[in-house]
Amino acid sequence: MHDRIIADTSVLIALEKINLLDLLCKIYKEVIIPEGVLKEFGSINLGCFSTKSVDSKLVNLFIKEMNLGKGEAEVIALSYNTGIPVLIDDLRARKLADEIGLTVSGTIGVLMKAQKMGIIESALEKVLELKKMGFYISDEIIRHISRFY
């Protein structure tokens, strides 16, 4: 089990859609949810989740200059200030997080990790389920995941 992670709204929504939100608690001891993400997602009643207020000038900078949403901006600012890895799916937010040296993963990374840990049987099956529900997942990513089978 890994220690802590900061999660963005998109990852929470994706995992909730396939009834695997509790998966995060099986992988991480603590899942930190910035207040901006909580406002976007709604309440979460899982033991490993904690909410954090983010008071950083970076949030406004990321919103105004990088055109990120409040949740994404708070996730990245909190990670930058604490060194805690992030879970983000949005490409622009992922690129920014990567450019400033953060450790970044997303929904597919969580599913792959869960499969590797033996928590779920097939990450590919869950990714295809998400795609069927309308989540954008490129064919290239699906081909990449398929190589593990």
Protein backbone atom coordinates (compact mmCIF):
# COMPACT_ATOMS: atom_id res chain seq x y z
CA MET A 1 0.00 0.00 0.00
CA HIS A 2 1.31 3.43 -0.92
CA ASP A 3 1.19 6.32 1.49
CA ARG A 4 -0.61 9.36 0.14
CA ILE A 5 -1.97 10.77 -3.10
CA ILE A 6 -3.80 13.97 -4.08
CA ALA A 7 -6.78 13.25 -6.36
CA ASP A 8 -8.50 15.42 -8.96
CA THR A 9 -12.20 15.32 -9.75
CA SER A 10 -11.93 13.47 -13.07
CA VAL A 11 -10.31 10.43 -11.46
CA LEU A 12 -12.95 10.32 -8.73
CA ILE A 13 -15.77 10.57 -11.28
CA ALA A 14 -14.28 7.85 -13.50
CA LEU A 15 -13.77 5.41 -10.63
CA GLU A 16 -17.24 6.14 -9.24
CA LYS A 17 -18.82 5.44 -12.66
CA ILE A 18 -17.40 1.90 -12.63
CA ASN A 19 -18.13 1.42 -8.91
CA LEU A 20 -14.45 1.39 -7.93
CA LEU A 21 -14.06 4.60 -5.92
CA ASP A 22 -13.14 2.50 -2.86
CA LEU A 23 -10.21 1.12 -4.89
CA LEU A 24 -8.23 4.21 -3.90
CA CYS A 25 -8.44 3.18 -0.22
CA LYS A 26 -7.08 -0.26 -1.11
CA ILE A 27 -4.04 1.29 -2.81
CA TYR A 28 -3.35 4.40 -0.69
CA LYS A 29 -3.40 5.01 3.06
CA GLU A 30 -4.62 8.58 2.50
CA VAL A 31 -6.32 10.22 -0.48
CA ILE A 32 -6.19 13.99 -0.14
CA ILE A 33 -9.01 15.94 -1.75
CA PRO A 34 -8.54 19.72 -2.07
CA GLU A 35 -11.67 21.74 -1.22
CA GLY A 36 -12.04 22.80 -4.88
CA VAL A 37 -12.23 19.14 -5.91
CA LEU A 38 -14.73 18.36 -3.17
CA LYS A 39 -16.97 21.20 -4.41
CA GLU A 40 -16.80 19.81 -7.96
CA PHE A 41 -17.34 16.18 -6.97
CA GLY A 42 -19.57 16.27 -3.90
CA SER A 43 -19.22 14.51 -0.57
CA ILE A 44 -17.16 11.34 -0.17
CA ASN A 45 -17.61 8.94 2.71
CA LEU A 46 -14.59 6.68 2.57
CA GLY A 47 -12.19 6.26 5.46
CA CYS A 48 -8.98 7.03 3.61
CA PHE A 49 -10.19 10.36 2.19
CA SER A 50 -9.29 13.67 3.81
CA THR A 51 -10.07 17.22 2.70
CA LYS A 52 -7.44 19.94 2.56
CA SER A 53 -7.76 23.68 2.19
CA VAL A 54 -5.28 25.03 -0.35
CA ASP A 55 -4.02 28.55 0.26
CA SER A 56 -1.46 29.19 -2.45
CA LYS A 57 -0.89 31.99 -4.95
CA LEU A 58 -0.18 29.26 -7.48
CA VAL A 59 -3.90 28.39 -7.61
CA ASN A 60 -4.86 31.76 -9.12
CA LEU A 61 -1.85 31.67 -11.43
CA PHE A 62 -2.80 28.23 -12.75
CA ILE A 63 -6.43 29.28 -13.22
CA LYS A 64 -5.68 32.60 -14.96
CA GLU A 65 -2.52 31.80 -16.92
CA MET A 66 -2.91 28.09 -17.62
CA ASN A 67 -6.72 28.06 -17.91
CA LEU A 68 -7.10 25.20 -15.43
CA GLY A 69 -10.18 24.55 -13.33
CA LYS A 70 -10.09 25.33 -9.62
CA GLY A 71 -9.86 21.66 -8.63
CA GLU A 72 -6.95 20.93 -10.98
CA ALA A 73 -5.17 24.12 -9.92
CA GLU A 74 -5.52 23.20 -6.23
CA VAL A 75 -4.34 19.62 -6.82
CA ILE A 76 -1.20 20.81 -8.63
CA ALA A 77 -0.45 23.64 -6.17
CA LEU A 78 -0.86 21.31 -3.17
CA SER A 79 1.39 18.70 -4.74
CA TYR A 80 3.99 21.34 -5.63
CA ASN A 81 4.02 22.56 -2.03
CA THR A 82 4.05 19.11 -0.39
CA GLY A 83 5.72 16.73 -2.86
CA ILE A 84 2.77 14.34 -2.66
CA PRO A 85 2.02 12.64 -6.01
CA VAL A 86 -1.16 13.49 -7.95
CA LEU A 87 -3.93 11.69 -9.82
CA ILE A 88 -5.07 13.81 -12.78
CA ASP A 89 -6.60 12.82 -16.11
CA ASP A 90 -6.86 16.20 -17.88
CA LEU A 91 -4.05 16.40 -20.47
CA ARG A 92 -3.26 20.10 -19.99
CA ALA A 93 -3.12 19.71 -16.20
CA ARG A 94 -0.98 16.55 -16.52
CA LYS A 95 1.48 18.35 -18.79
CA LEU A 96 1.80 21.26 -16.36
CA ALA A 97 2.25 18.91 -13.40
CA ASP A 98 4.89 16.97 -15.29
CA GLU A 99 6.69 20.14 -16.42
CA ILE A 100 7.04 21.36 -12.83
CA GLY A 101 8.39 18.01 -11.68
CA LEU A 102 5.39 16.41 -9.98
CA THR A 103 4.75 12.66 -9.89
CA VAL A 104 1.62 12.19 -11.99
CA SER A 105 -0.73 9.29 -12.60
CA GLY A 106 -4.41 9.02 -13.52
CA THR A 107 -7.37 6.70 -13.64
CA ILE A 108 -5.68 4.22 -15.95
CA GLY A 109 -2.58 4.21 -13.76
CA VAL A 110 -4.75 3.43 -10.73
CA LEU A 111 -6.43 0.57 -12.58
CA MET A 112 -3.08 -0.83 -13.73
CA LYS A 113 -1.70 -0.59 -10.19
CA ALA A 114 -4.81 -2.32 -8.80
CA GLN A 115 -4.39 -5.16 -11.29
CA LYS A 116 -0.70 -5.50 -10.44
CA MET A 117 -1.61 -5.67 -6.74
CA GLY A 118 -4.25 -8.33 -7.45
CA ILE A 119 -7.13 -6.12 -6.34
CA ILE A 120 -8.91 -6.24 -9.70
CA GLU A 121 -8.63 -8.91 -12.34
CA SER A 122 -8.38 -6.79 -15.49
CA ALA A 123 -7.43 -3.12 -15.88
CA LEU A 124 -8.15 -3.41 -19.61
CA GLU A 125 -11.71 -4.58 -18.94
CA LYS A 126 -12.31 -1.56 -16.66
CA VAL A 127 -10.73 0.85 -19.18
CA LEU A 128 -13.00 -0.49 -21.93
CA GLU A 129 -15.97 -0.12 -19.58
CA LEU A 130 -15.04 3.55 -19.06
CA LYS A 131 -14.66 4.11 -22.81
CA LYS A 132 -18.10 2.58 -23.38
CA MET A 133 -19.51 5.07 -20.85
CA GLY A 134 -18.17 7.97 -22.90
CA PHE A 135 -14.83 8.68 -21.21
CA TYR A 136 -12.21 9.64 -23.76
CA ILE A 137 -9.50 6.99 -23.94
CA SER A 138 -7.37 6.89 -27.08
CA ASP A 139 -6.97 3.74 -29.11
CA GLU A 140 -3.21 4.08 -28.60
CA ILE A 141 -3.64 3.83 -24.81
CA ILE A 142 -5.91 0.81 -25.20
CA ARG A 143 -3.31 -0.87 -27.46
CA HIS A 144 -0.63 -0.10 -24.87
CA ILE A 145 -2.69 -1.63 -22.03
CA SER A 146 -3.52 -4.64 -24.22
CA ARG A 147 0.18 -5.51 -24.40
CA PHE A 148 0.03 -6.55 -20.75
CA TYR A 149 -2.39 -9.39 -21.62
